[in-house]
Amino acid sequence: MMARYYFNLHECGTVTSDPEGREFASLAAARDAAKEDARAIMCEELGTGCLCLSCRIEITDGEGRCLDLVLFKDAVDVVGA
């Protein structure tokens, strides 16, 4: 059975709520998708010459309860710094 998860983006003091959500078989699958979303957002940020690693995606259920947080800094491995 699929469950609907909502991905609320917390980005530099601004919260963008996800009104539609997406269906996944598990919270782990939703977390993987949130990591991919975080990486895509970071790619766009890099194009502007700025990268914020303190942003996050909050995964909630239909009642708005936080089920998990995906921190941008945890969605990538930084090497060679």
N, C-alpha and C. Protein backbone atom coordinates (compact mmCIF):
# COMPACT_ATOMS: atom_id res chain seq x y z
N MET A 1 0.83 -1.18 0.00
CA MET A 1 0.00 0.00 0.00
C MET A 1 0.88 1.25 0.00
N MET A 2 0.52 2.20 -0.81
CA MET A 2 1.29 3.43 -0.94
C MET A 2 0.76 4.46 0.06
N ALA A 3 1.68 5.25 0.59
CA ALA A 3 1.31 6.34 1.48
C ALA A 3 1.72 7.66 0.83
N ARG A 4 0.99 8.72 1.15
CA ARG A 4 1.30 10.04 0.60
C ARG A 4 2.18 10.80 1.60
N TYR A 5 3.28 11.33 1.08
CA TYR A 5 4.22 12.11 1.88
C TYR A 5 4.34 13.50 1.27
N TYR A 6 4.52 14.48 2.13
CA TYR A 6 4.63 15.88 1.71
C TYR A 6 6.03 16.37 2.03
N PHE A 7 6.62 17.09 1.07
CA PHE A 7 8.00 17.55 1.19
C PHE A 7 7.99 19.07 1.32
N ASN A 8 8.19 19.58 2.53
CA ASN A 8 8.21 21.01 2.78
C ASN A 8 9.65 21.50 2.79
N LEU A 9 9.94 22.44 1.92
CA LEU A 9 11.30 22.94 1.74
C LEU A 9 11.54 24.11 2.69
N HIS A 10 12.57 23.98 3.52
CA HIS A 10 13.02 25.05 4.41
C HIS A 10 14.33 25.57 3.82
N GLU A 11 14.26 26.74 3.23
CA GLU A 11 15.40 27.25 2.47
C GLU A 11 15.72 28.69 2.89
N CYS A 12 16.80 28.85 3.66
CA CYS A 12 17.31 30.17 4.05
C CYS A 12 16.23 31.05 4.67
N GLY A 13 15.48 30.49 5.60
CA GLY A 13 14.46 31.25 6.31
C GLY A 13 13.09 31.26 5.66
N THR A 14 12.95 30.67 4.50
CA THR A 14 11.67 30.62 3.80
C THR A 14 11.19 29.17 3.76
N VAL A 15 9.91 28.98 4.04
CA VAL A 15 9.31 27.64 3.98
C VAL A 15 8.36 27.59 2.80
N THR A 16 8.58 26.59 1.93
CA THR A 16 7.68 26.35 0.80
C THR A 16 6.99 25.02 1.07
N SER A 17 5.69 25.10 1.33
CA SER A 17 4.91 23.90 1.65
C SER A 17 4.55 23.14 0.37
N ASP A 18 4.48 21.84 0.51
CA ASP A 18 4.09 20.95 -0.58
C ASP A 18 2.60 20.64 -0.44
N PRO A 19 1.74 21.24 -1.26
CA PRO A 19 0.30 21.02 -1.10
C PRO A 19 -0.21 19.70 -1.68
N GLU A 20 0.57 19.07 -2.56
CA GLU A 20 0.09 17.87 -3.25
C GLU A 20 0.66 16.58 -2.69
N GLY A 21 1.92 16.59 -2.34
CA GLY A 21 2.58 15.38 -1.87
C GLY A 21 2.80 14.38 -2.99
N ARG A 22 3.45 13.29 -2.64
CA ARG A 22 3.71 12.20 -3.59
C ARG A 22 3.56 10.88 -2.85
N GLU A 23 3.22 9.86 -3.58
CA GLU A 23 3.03 8.55 -2.98
C GLU A 23 4.29 7.70 -3.09
N PHE A 24 4.59 7.02 -1.98
CA PHE A 24 5.73 6.11 -1.92
C PHE A 24 5.33 4.88 -1.12
N ALA A 25 6.05 3.80 -1.35
CA ALA A 25 5.77 2.55 -0.66
C ALA A 25 6.23 2.59 0.80
N SER A 26 7.18 3.47 1.11
CA SER A 26 7.71 3.53 2.47
C SER A 26 8.31 4.90 2.75
N LEU A 27 8.54 5.18 4.02
CA LEU A 27 9.20 6.41 4.40
C LEU A 27 10.63 6.42 3.88
N ALA A 28 11.28 5.27 3.84
CA ALA A 28 12.65 5.18 3.31
C ALA A 28 12.68 5.60 1.83
N ALA A 29 11.68 5.19 1.06
CA ALA A 29 11.61 5.58 -0.35
C ALA A 29 11.36 7.08 -0.48
N ALA A 30 10.53 7.63 0.40
CA ALA A 30 10.28 9.07 0.39
C ALA A 30 11.56 9.82 0.75
N ARG A 31 12.32 9.31 1.71
CA ARG A 31 13.58 9.94 2.11
C ARG A 31 14.56 9.94 0.94
N ASP A 32 14.65 8.84 0.21
CA ASP A 32 15.54 8.78 -0.96
C ASP A 32 15.14 9.83 -2.00
N ALA A 33 13.84 9.99 -2.21
CA ALA A 33 13.35 11.00 -3.17
C ALA A 33 13.67 12.41 -2.68
N ALA A 34 13.55 12.64 -1.39
CA ALA A 34 13.86 13.96 -0.83
C ALA A 34 15.35 14.28 -1.00
N LYS A 35 16.20 13.27 -0.85
CA LYS A 35 17.64 13.47 -1.08
C LYS A 35 17.90 13.86 -2.54
N GLU A 36 17.22 13.19 -3.46
CA GLU A 36 17.37 13.53 -4.88
C GLU A 36 16.89 14.96 -5.14
N ASP A 37 15.77 15.33 -4.52
CA ASP A 37 15.27 16.70 -4.67
C ASP A 37 16.27 17.71 -4.12
N ALA A 38 16.84 17.41 -2.96
CA ALA A 38 17.82 18.31 -2.36
C ALA A 38 19.03 18.48 -3.28
N ARG A 39 19.49 17.40 -3.87
CA ARG A 39 20.63 17.48 -4.79
C ARG A 39 20.30 18.32 -6.02
N ALA A 40 19.08 18.18 -6.53
CA ALA A 40 18.67 18.97 -7.70
C ALA A 40 18.63 20.46 -7.35
N ILE A 41 18.12 20.78 -6.18
CA ILE A 41 18.08 22.18 -5.74
C ILE A 41 19.49 22.73 -5.59
N MET A 42 20.37 21.93 -5.00
CA MET A 42 21.76 22.37 -4.84
C MET A 42 22.44 22.59 -6.18
N CYS A 43 22.13 21.77 -7.16
CA CYS A 43 22.70 21.96 -8.51
C CYS A 43 22.28 23.32 -9.08
N GLU A 44 21.02 23.67 -8.89
CA GLU A 44 20.53 24.97 -9.35
C GLU A 44 21.25 26.10 -8.61
N GLU A 45 21.42 25.94 -7.30
CA GLU A 45 22.11 26.95 -6.50
C GLU A 45 23.55 27.15 -6.98
N LEU A 46 24.21 26.07 -7.30
CA LEU A 46 25.60 26.17 -7.76
C LEU A 46 25.72 27.03 -9.00
N GLY A 47 24.69 27.03 -9.84
CA GLY A 47 24.69 27.85 -11.04
C GLY A 47 24.72 29.34 -10.73
N THR A 48 24.27 29.70 -9.53
CA THR A 48 24.30 31.11 -9.12
C THR A 48 25.57 31.45 -8.36
N GLY A 49 26.39 30.43 -8.09
CA GLY A 49 27.63 30.66 -7.35
C GLY A 49 27.46 30.61 -5.85
N CYS A 50 26.32 30.15 -5.38
CA CYS A 50 26.04 30.09 -3.94
C CYS A 50 25.48 28.71 -3.61
N LEU A 51 25.89 28.18 -2.47
CA LEU A 51 25.38 26.87 -2.05
C LEU A 51 25.11 26.92 -0.55
N CYS A 52 23.89 26.66 -0.16
CA CYS A 52 23.49 26.67 1.25
C CYS A 52 23.31 25.22 1.71
N LEU A 53 24.15 24.78 2.62
CA LEU A 53 24.06 23.40 3.12
C LEU A 53 23.20 23.30 4.38
N SER A 54 22.68 24.43 4.88
CA SER A 54 21.85 24.37 6.08
C SER A 54 20.36 24.26 5.75
N CYS A 55 20.00 24.24 4.48
CA CYS A 55 18.60 24.07 4.09
C CYS A 55 18.19 22.62 4.34
N ARG A 56 16.87 22.39 4.33
CA ARG A 56 16.39 21.03 4.61
C ARG A 56 15.02 20.80 3.98
N ILE A 57 14.68 19.54 3.84
CA ILE A 57 13.34 19.14 3.40
C ILE A 57 12.72 18.35 4.55
N GLU A 58 11.56 18.82 4.97
CA GLU A 58 10.81 18.17 6.04
C GLU A 58 9.77 17.27 5.38
N ILE A 59 9.80 16.00 5.72
CA ILE A 59 8.83 15.04 5.19
C ILE A 59 7.73 14.90 6.23
N THR A 60 6.47 15.18 5.80
CA THR A 60 5.35 15.09 6.71
C THR A 60 4.29 14.15 6.17
N ASP A 61 3.37 13.79 7.06
CA ASP A 61 2.22 13.01 6.63
C ASP A 61 1.06 13.95 6.32
N GLY A 62 -0.09 13.42 6.01
CA GLY A 62 -1.25 14.22 5.65
C GLY A 62 -1.78 15.09 6.78
N GLU A 63 -1.40 14.77 8.00
CA GLU A 63 -1.82 15.55 9.17
C GLU A 63 -0.81 16.64 9.50
N GLY A 64 0.28 16.70 8.73
CA GLY A 64 1.31 17.71 8.98
C GLY A 64 2.34 17.31 10.01
N ARG A 65 2.31 16.07 10.45
CA ARG A 65 3.31 15.60 11.43
C ARG A 65 4.64 15.34 10.73
N CYS A 66 5.71 15.84 11.31
CA CYS A 66 7.04 15.62 10.75
C CYS A 66 7.44 14.16 10.97
N LEU A 67 7.77 13.50 9.86
CA LEU A 67 8.19 12.10 9.92
C LEU A 67 9.69 11.95 9.79
N ASP A 68 10.32 12.91 9.09
CA ASP A 68 11.76 12.83 8.85
C ASP A 68 12.24 14.18 8.33
N LEU A 69 13.52 14.43 8.49
CA LEU A 69 14.16 15.63 7.94
C LEU A 69 15.33 15.19 7.07
N VAL A 70 15.44 15.79 5.91
CA VAL A 70 16.60 15.56 5.04
C VAL A 70 17.37 16.86 4.98
N LEU A 71 18.51 16.88 5.63
CA LEU A 71 19.38 18.05 5.61
C LEU A 71 20.19 18.04 4.33
N PHE A 72 20.29 19.20 3.70
CA PHE A 72 21.05 19.27 2.45
C PHE A 72 22.47 18.76 2.65
N LYS A 73 23.08 19.11 3.78
CA LYS A 73 24.47 18.71 4.02
C LYS A 73 24.62 17.19 4.11
N ASP A 74 23.54 16.48 4.43
CA ASP A 74 23.59 15.03 4.50
C ASP A 74 23.25 14.36 3.19
N ALA A 75 22.84 15.14 2.19
CA ALA A 75 22.46 14.58 0.89
C ALA A 75 23.64 14.46 -0.07
N VAL A 76 24.80 14.99 0.35
CA VAL A 76 25.99 14.95 -0.50
C VAL A 76 27.21 14.60 0.35
N ASP A 77 28.24 14.10 -0.30
CA ASP A 77 29.53 13.90 0.34
C ASP A 77 30.46 14.99 -0.20
N VAL A 78 31.02 15.79 0.71
CA VAL A 78 31.95 16.86 0.30
C VAL A 78 33.35 16.31 0.51
N VAL A 79 34.13 16.31 -0.56
CA VAL A 79 35.49 15.79 -0.49
C VAL A 79 36.47 16.84 -1.01
N GLY A 80 37.70 16.72 -0.59
CA GLY A 80 38.75 17.58 -1.11
C GLY A 80 38.76 18.98 -0.56
N ALA A 81 38.04 19.21 0.54
CA ALA A 81 37.96 20.57 1.08
C ALA A 81 39.19 20.88 1.92
